[in-house]
């Protein structure tokens, strides 16, 4: 296994269930109360991180509830003590000066446990209906590159003057900066060539969507070989888990979710219609049937407890350090994973237990 820490996180349920909306074992619930309790339970169970996806309107169906990410992240930061809190952000929705200030505020509320996840947008109505406009794929990444340059430098405490194609920032200084480390961590999502170039230049951690081990290893090799001027890039993987005592039991549970997910075909059709076809995540997800978002079960974490633990070990050996996980029904399966899978993984390599996120960027 890799000598780097192995960490486990959960996706917050900001737009409800991750596998299927019509599940009698998990009624739709994207409320603040549920997400608060979910993250507190995850922290108590030993999970290391949570990812709060950011949408202003529900990306699947606009009349479904959608939790606001950044106010929820601030609230969770005040209620927790150990778990890392990652809030996603689409650059077009916030001016970089404003976003950097928000990030530093939550960084200090959390006492050095906050991170941002840069996502350059794929849901067209979210921007179009607001009058912002939905730029072409590579143009969104060019905008995001300027945006994150400003955010990172302001979060580090630099007095910044910056003039580019999209922004003109003059003699700007934010205080206080992080009291715990140089700045919050920067996660980057996306697998297109512009996304890979962006994460190589500006990211601390690259989030890879769930897919087979060989594909993930190829992505890691490509980006790890690129020149960087900062610390080595780290890698995270999204995955949906279905684990049971036996492989047959896991396949039965997976089959139940697959059947339920087929009932959501009208919702999925709306999502496809609203999605930029150049988004690699969506292209990857069309390769095979699966449940869950961001690759879901394509990562292969469906099987017996021992099989799932072994597959996690193989991904870790390939370079994955953070597994951002989905389940359904979420709370019960999250607890099952903590009790059955995490101990097996830790026993296989006890030297790679998760570290506090502040240590990942170096402390002051």
Protein backbone atom coordinates (compact mmCIF):
# COMPACT_ATOMS: atom_id res chain seq x y z
CA UNK A 1 0.00 0.00 0.00
CA UNK A 2 0.94 3.63 -0.38
CA UNK A 3 2.71 5.02 2.68
CA UNK A 4 0.42 8.04 2.66
CA UNK A 5 -2.58 8.23 5.01
CA UNK A 6 -5.75 6.38 4.01
CA UNK A 7 -8.89 8.36 4.75
CA UNK A 8 -12.62 7.78 4.36
CA UNK A 9 -15.24 10.44 3.78
CA UNK A 10 -18.95 10.69 3.01
CA UNK A 11 -20.95 12.71 0.53
CA UNK A 12 -23.45 14.93 2.31
CA UNK A 13 -27.01 14.36 1.08
CA UNK A 14 -27.53 17.88 -0.23
CA UNK A 15 -29.99 16.71 -2.88
CA UNK A 16 -31.26 13.57 -1.25
CA UNK A 17 -30.59 9.92 -2.00
CA UNK A 18 -27.58 9.03 -4.11
CA UNK A 19 -28.79 5.80 -5.76
CA UNK A 20 -32.57 6.01 -6.22
CA UNK A 21 -35.25 8.50 -5.27
CA UNK A 22 -38.12 6.02 -4.89
CA UNK A 23 -36.62 3.85 -2.17
CA UNK A 24 -39.02 2.90 0.66
CA UNK A 25 -35.98 2.34 2.91
CA UNK A 26 -34.80 5.93 2.36
CA UNK A 27 -37.50 8.58 1.78
CA UNK A 28 -36.28 11.73 0.04
CA UNK A 29 -34.70 14.10 2.57
CA UNK A 30 -32.18 16.84 1.76
CA UNK A 31 -32.88 18.85 4.90
CA UNK A 32 -30.33 20.65 7.04
CA UNK A 33 -31.39 18.54 10.04
CA UNK A 34 -30.66 15.28 8.26
CA UNK A 35 -27.31 16.46 6.93
CA UNK A 36 -26.29 17.85 10.32
CA UNK A 37 -27.06 14.55 12.01
CA UNK A 38 -25.40 12.59 9.19
CA UNK A 39 -22.08 14.44 9.49
CA UNK A 40 -22.10 14.26 13.29
CA UNK A 41 -22.73 10.51 13.07
CA UNK A 42 -19.94 10.12 10.49
CA UNK A 43 -17.49 11.92 12.76
CA UNK A 44 -18.48 9.71 15.70
CA UNK A 45 -17.99 6.59 13.55
CA UNK A 46 -14.45 7.65 12.63
CA UNK A 47 -14.89 9.06 9.14
CA UNK A 48 -12.26 11.63 8.22
CA UNK A 49 -14.01 13.94 5.75
CA UNK A 50 -17.30 15.08 4.26
CA UNK A 51 -17.98 16.62 0.86
CA UNK A 52 -20.84 19.11 0.57
CA UNK A 53 -21.74 19.46 -3.10
CA UNK A 54 -22.82 22.92 -4.24
CA UNK A 55 -25.91 23.63 -6.32
CA UNK A 56 -28.31 26.55 -6.14
CA UNK A 57 -31.09 24.49 -7.72
CA UNK A 58 -31.47 20.74 -7.61
CA UNK A 59 -29.54 19.32 -10.61
CA UNK A 60 -31.96 16.42 -11.07
CA UNK A 61 -35.36 18.05 -10.72
CA UNK A 62 -35.77 21.72 -9.94
CA UNK A 63 -38.73 21.34 -7.58
CA UNK A 64 -36.77 18.95 -5.32
CA UNK A 65 -35.15 20.40 -2.20
CA UNK A 66 -31.47 21.39 -2.41
CA UNK A 67 -29.36 22.18 0.66
CA UNK A 68 -27.19 25.31 0.35
CA UNK A 69 -23.58 24.17 0.67
CA UNK A 70 -21.69 27.09 2.17
CA UNK A 71 -24.07 28.05 4.97
CA UNK A 72 -24.33 24.34 5.82
CA UNK A 73 -20.52 24.03 5.83
CA UNK A 74 -20.19 26.92 8.27
CA UNK A 75 -22.81 25.42 10.56
CA UNK A 76 -21.23 21.96 10.45
CA UNK A 77 -17.83 23.51 11.13
CA UNK A 78 -19.12 24.95 14.39
CA UNK A 79 -20.70 21.65 15.48
CA UNK A 80 -17.85 19.25 14.74
CA UNK A 81 -14.35 18.88 16.13
CA UNK A 82 -12.33 16.50 13.94
CA UNK A 83 -13.87 15.76 10.54
CA UNK A 84 -12.63 17.64 7.46
CA UNK A 85 -15.31 19.77 5.76
CA UNK A 86 -15.07 20.21 1.99
CA UNK A 87 -17.48 22.63 0.29
CA UNK A 88 -17.78 22.52 -3.48
CA UNK A 89 -17.89 25.76 -5.46
CA UNK A 90 -18.66 26.76 -9.04
CA UNK A 91 -16.56 29.84 -9.87
CA UNK A 92 -19.24 31.67 -11.85
CA UNK A 93 -21.51 31.85 -8.79
CA UNK A 94 -19.13 33.78 -6.51
CA UNK A 95 -16.60 36.52 -7.12
CA UNK A 96 -13.19 35.13 -6.05
CA UNK A 97 -12.62 37.88 -3.45
CA UNK A 98 -15.95 37.08 -1.78
CA UNK A 99 -15.37 33.34 -1.92
CA UNK A 100 -11.86 33.62 -0.45
CA UNK A 101 -13.27 35.62 2.47
CA UNK A 102 -16.00 33.02 3.07
CA UNK A 103 -13.45 30.19 2.92
CA UNK A 104 -11.16 31.85 5.45
CA UNK A 105 -14.09 32.42 7.77
CA UNK A 106 -15.11 28.75 7.74
CA UNK A 107 -11.44 27.72 8.00
CA UNK A 108 -11.17 29.51 11.33
CA UNK A 109 -14.58 28.39 12.57
CA UNK A 110 -13.46 24.80 11.91
CA UNK A 111 -10.00 25.38 13.41
CA UNK A 112 -8.14 24.35 10.29
CA UNK A 113 -10.45 21.63 8.90
CA UNK A 114 -11.95 23.36 5.87
CA UNK A 115 -11.31 22.84 2.15
CA UNK A 116 -12.84 23.96 -1.12
CA UNK A 117 -13.66 21.71 -4.06
CA UNK A 118 -13.40 23.55 -7.38
CA UNK A 119 -15.98 22.32 -9.90
CA UNK A 120 -16.27 24.18 -13.19
CA UNK A 121 -20.01 23.47 -13.64
CA UNK A 122 -21.97 21.02 -15.76
CA UNK A 123 -25.62 21.87 -15.01
CA UNK A 124 -26.63 24.44 -17.64
CA UNK A 125 -29.89 25.79 -16.09
CA UNK A 126 -28.17 26.76 -12.86
CA UNK A 127 -26.20 29.44 -14.69
CA UNK A 128 -28.41 30.17 -17.67
CA UNK A 129 -31.57 30.82 -15.68
CA UNK A 130 -29.69 33.22 -13.41
CA UNK A 131 -28.60 35.27 -16.40
CA UNK A 132 -24.95 34.38 -15.80
CA UNK A 133 -24.61 32.39 -18.99
CA UNK A 134 -23.16 28.93 -19.55
CA UNK A 135 -19.84 29.28 -21.32
CA UNK A 136 -18.30 26.60 -23.53
CA UNK A 137 -16.44 23.82 -21.65
CA UNK A 138 -12.86 25.01 -22.12
CA UNK A 139 -13.86 28.63 -21.56
CA UNK A 140 -15.29 27.63 -18.15
CA UNK A 141 -11.95 26.12 -17.24
CA UNK A 142 -10.07 29.23 -18.38
CA UNK A 143 -12.34 31.31 -16.17
CA UNK A 144 -11.84 28.83 -13.30
CA UNK A 145 -8.05 29.04 -13.66
CA UNK A 146 -8.08 32.82 -13.19
CA UNK A 147 -10.61 32.48 -10.38
CA UNK A 148 -8.65 29.92 -8.34
CA UNK A 149 -5.42 31.87 -8.83
CA UNK A 150 -7.01 34.83 -7.05
CA UNK A 151 -8.70 32.72 -4.36
CA UNK A 152 -5.53 30.79 -3.49
CA UNK A 153 -3.34 33.88 -3.23
CA UNK A 154 -5.85 35.76 -1.08
CA UNK A 155 -6.35 32.74 1.20
CA UNK A 156 -2.58 32.62 1.70
CA UNK A 157 -2.64 36.20 2.99
CA UNK A 158 -1.06 37.89 -0.02
CA UNK A 159 -1.82 41.54 -0.74
CA UNK A 160 -3.03 40.97 -4.27
CA UNK A 161 -3.10 42.98 -7.44
CA UNK A 162 -4.26 40.88 -10.38
CA UNK A 163 -5.51 41.79 -13.85
CA UNK A 164 -6.65 39.14 -16.29
CA UNK A 165 -9.28 38.55 -18.92
CA UNK A 166 -12.06 38.13 -16.34
CA UNK A 167 -10.93 39.89 -13.15
CA UNK A 168 -9.30 43.14 -12.09
CA UNK A 169 -8.34 42.99 -8.40
CA UNK A 170 -6.32 45.87 -6.98
CA UNK A 171 -4.32 45.96 -3.74
CA UNK A 172 -6.63 43.52 -1.96
CA UNK A 173 -5.79 42.04 1.42
CA UNK A 174 -7.92 39.67 3.53
CA UNK A 175 -7.57 39.32 7.29
CA UNK A 176 -7.61 37.12 9.24
CA UNK A 177 -6.04 34.35 7.22
CA UNK A 178 -5.97 30.80 8.57
CA UNK A 179 -4.73 30.66 12.14
CA UNK A 180 -3.85 26.98 11.72
CA UNK A 181 -1.95 26.50 8.43
CA UNK A 182 -0.94 28.42 5.29
CA UNK A 183 -4.43 28.18 3.72
CA UNK A 184 -7.40 25.81 3.28
CA UNK A 185 -6.81 22.89 0.96
CA UNK A 186 -7.94 23.02 -2.67
CA UNK A 187 -9.62 19.96 -4.15
CA UNK A 188 -10.31 19.93 -7.89
CA UNK A 189 -12.83 17.82 -9.80
CA UNK A 190 -12.99 17.03 -13.51
CA UNK A 191 -11.10 14.69 -15.81
CA UNK A 192 -10.88 16.54 -19.14
CA UNK A 193 -7.51 17.83 -20.34
CA UNK A 194 -8.23 21.38 -19.06
CA UNK A 195 -9.22 19.89 -15.69
CA UNK A 196 -6.01 17.85 -15.47
CA UNK A 197 -3.89 20.87 -16.31
CA UNK A 198 -5.74 22.95 -13.72
CA UNK A 199 -5.31 20.46 -10.90
CA UNK A 200 -1.64 19.97 -11.72
CA UNK A 201 -1.07 23.71 -11.44
CA UNK A 202 -3.39 24.68 -8.58
CA UNK A 203 -4.78 21.65 -6.74
CA UNK A 204 -3.75 19.92 -3.54
CA UNK A 205 -6.03 16.90 -4.13
CA UNK A 206 -7.60 15.60 -7.34
CA UNK A 207 -11.06 14.07 -7.01
CA UNK A 208 -11.49 11.23 -9.53
CA UNK A 209 -14.94 9.87 -10.34
CA UNK A 210 -15.60 6.23 -9.58
CA UNK A 211 -14.31 3.87 -12.29
CA UNK A 212 -12.30 0.64 -12.57
CA UNK A 213 -8.86 0.39 -10.98
CA UNK A 214 -6.95 0.32 -14.27
CA UNK A 215 -8.61 3.52 -15.47
CA UNK A 216 -7.94 5.25 -12.16
CA UNK A 217 -4.29 4.18 -12.20
CA UNK A 218 -3.93 5.64 -15.70
CA UNK A 219 -5.42 8.96 -14.64
CA UNK A 220 -3.12 9.15 -11.61
CA UNK A 221 -0.05 8.35 -13.72
CA UNK A 222 -0.92 11.04 -16.24
CA UNK A 223 -1.39 13.86 -13.75
CA UNK A 224 1.34 12.77 -11.33
CA UNK A 225 3.87 13.03 -14.17
CA UNK A 226 3.09 16.70 -14.80
CA UNK A 227 5.37 19.40 -13.53
CA UNK A 228 4.37 21.11 -10.28
CA UNK A 229 5.90 23.92 -8.27
CA UNK A 230 4.22 22.96 -4.97
CA UNK A 231 3.88 19.82 -2.84
CA UNK A 232 3.09 16.49 -4.54
CA UNK A 233 -0.51 16.11 -5.66
CA UNK A 234 -2.76 13.78 -3.69
CA UNK A 235 -5.69 11.78 -5.04
CA UNK A 236 -9.25 11.03 -3.95
CA UNK A 237 -11.89 8.72 -5.41
CA UNK A 238 -15.68 8.85 -5.35
CA UNK A 239 -17.41 5.48 -4.93
CA UNK A 240 -20.75 3.94 -4.02
CA UNK A 241 -20.46 0.98 -1.65
CA UNK A 242 -22.65 -2.10 -1.38
CA UNK A 243 -21.04 -4.53 1.08
CA UNK A 244 -22.44 -7.61 2.78
CA UNK A 245 -21.18 -10.73 4.54
CA UNK A 246 -21.18 -12.62 1.24
CA UNK A 247 -20.79 -11.63 -2.38
CA UNK A 248 -24.22 -13.10 -3.19
CA UNK A 249 -25.89 -10.97 -0.53
CA UNK A 250 -24.13 -7.87 -1.86
CA UNK A 251 -25.31 -8.59 -5.40
CA UNK A 252 -28.88 -8.96 -4.18
CA UNK A 253 -28.68 -5.61 -2.41
CA UNK A 254 -27.11 -4.03 -5.49
CA UNK A 255 -29.83 -5.49 -7.69
CA UNK A 256 -32.50 -3.92 -5.49
CA UNK A 257 -30.92 -0.48 -5.89
CA UNK A 258 -30.45 -0.96 -9.61
CA UNK A 259 -34.14 -1.76 -10.07
CA UNK A 260 -35.15 1.25 -7.99
CA UNK A 261 -32.80 3.53 -9.94
CA UNK A 262 -34.47 2.51 -13.21
CA UNK A 263 -37.67 4.10 -11.91
CA UNK A 264 -35.83 7.44 -11.98
CA UNK A 265 -35.43 7.34 -15.78
CA UNK A 266 -37.47 10.55 -16.30
CA UNK A 267 -35.30 12.43 -13.81
CA UNK A 268 -32.13 11.12 -15.44
CA UNK A 269 -33.40 12.22 -18.82
CA UNK A 270 -33.79 15.77 -17.51
CA UNK A 271 -30.25 15.66 -16.13
CA UNK A 272 -28.83 14.50 -19.47
CA UNK A 273 -30.68 17.27 -21.25
CA UNK A 274 -29.25 19.88 -18.88
CA UNK A 275 -25.66 18.61 -18.94
CA UNK A 276 -22.82 19.82 -21.12
CA UNK A 277 -21.99 16.76 -23.30
CA UNK A 278 -18.28 17.62 -23.09
CA UNK A 279 -18.22 16.90 -19.35
CA UNK A 280 -16.05 13.78 -18.99
CA UNK A 281 -17.85 12.66 -15.81
CA UNK A 282 -21.07 12.21 -17.76
CA UNK A 283 -19.31 10.49 -20.65
CA UNK A 284 -17.76 8.01 -18.21
CA UNK A 285 -21.07 7.29 -16.51
CA UNK A 286 -22.69 6.30 -19.83
CA UNK A 287 -20.26 3.40 -20.30
CA UNK A 288 -22.17 0.98 -18.07
CA UNK A 289 -25.21 0.75 -15.83
CA UNK A 290 -24.46 1.71 -12.24
CA UNK A 291 -25.99 3.29 -9.18
CA UNK A 292 -24.81 6.40 -7.40
CA UNK A 293 -23.45 9.69 -8.69
CA UNK A 294 -19.93 10.64 -9.78
CA UNK A 295 -19.14 7.16 -11.03
CA UNK A 296 -21.00 5.36 -8.24
CA UNK A 297 -20.60 1.58 -8.25
CA UNK A 298 -18.28 1.64 -11.30
CA UNK A 299 -15.38 1.68 -8.82
CA UNK A 300 -16.27 -1.91 -7.99
CA UNK A 301 -16.89 -1.57 -4.26
CA UNK A 302 -19.73 -4.08 -4.44
CA UNK A 303 -19.10 -7.45 -2.78
CA UNK A 304 -18.33 -9.19 0.46
CA UNK A 305 -16.68 -7.31 3.31
CA UNK A 306 -13.35 -8.92 2.52
CA UNK A 307 -13.65 -8.25 -1.23
CA UNK A 308 -14.49 -4.58 -0.74
CA UNK A 309 -11.65 -4.12 1.76
CA UNK A 310 -9.21 -5.75 -0.69
CA UNK A 311 -10.35 -3.51 -3.56
CA UNK A 312 -9.88 -0.43 -1.39
CA UNK A 313 -6.37 -1.68 -0.64
CA UNK A 314 -5.67 -2.00 -4.35
CA UNK A 315 -6.87 1.55 -5.05
CA UNK A 316 -4.74 2.83 -2.19
CA UNK A 317 -1.70 1.03 -3.58
CA UNK A 318 -2.37 2.82 -6.88
CA UNK A 319 -2.30 6.20 -5.13
CA UNK A 320 -5.81 6.91 -3.83
CA UNK A 321 -5.69 8.38 -0.32
CA UNK A 322 -9.25 9.62 0.25
CA UNK A 323 -12.35 7.57 -0.54
CA UNK A 324 -15.44 9.79 -0.71
CA UNK A 325 -18.26 7.32 -0.24
CA UNK A 326 -21.97 7.00 -0.96
CA UNK A 327 -24.46 4.52 0.48
CA UNK A 328 -28.19 3.74 0.50
CA UNK A 329 -29.94 3.70 2.88
CA UNK A 330 -27.16 6.06 3.86
CA UNK A 331 -27.05 6.08 7.65
CA UNK A 332 -27.36 2.32 8.13
CA UNK A 333 -24.87 1.45 5.39
CA UNK A 334 -22.42 4.12 6.55
CA UNK A 335 -22.42 2.47 9.97
CA UNK A 336 -22.01 -0.98 8.42
CA UNK A 337 -18.97 0.21 6.46
CA UNK A 338 -17.41 1.75 9.58
CA UNK A 339 -17.87 -1.45 11.56
CA UNK A 340 -17.04 -4.05 8.91
CA UNK A 341 -14.80 -2.53 6.23
CA UNK A 342 -12.67 0.13 7.90
CA UNK A 343 -11.28 -2.29 10.54
CA UNK A 344 -10.38 -4.79 7.83
CA UNK A 345 -8.55 -2.12 5.81
CA UNK A 346 -6.74 -0.76 8.85
CA UNK A 347 -5.71 -4.27 9.91
CA UNK A 348 -4.17 -4.87 6.50
CA UNK A 349 -1.97 -1.78 6.90
CA UNK A 350 -2.18 -0.19 10.36
CA UNK A 351 0.48 2.42 9.53
CA UNK A 352 -1.80 4.32 7.16
CA UNK A 353 -4.57 5.50 9.48
CA UNK A 354 -6.10 8.83 8.52
CA UNK A 355 -4.49 12.09 9.62
CA UNK A 356 -6.09 15.37 10.59
CA UNK A 357 -6.55 17.49 7.43
CA UNK A 358 -4.41 20.32 8.82
CA UNK A 359 -1.37 18.06 8.53
CA UNK A 360 -1.94 17.56 4.82
CA UNK A 361 -1.04 21.14 4.01
CA UNK A 362 1.52 21.65 6.71
CA UNK A 363 0.84 23.56 9.92
CA UNK A 364 2.02 26.99 10.87
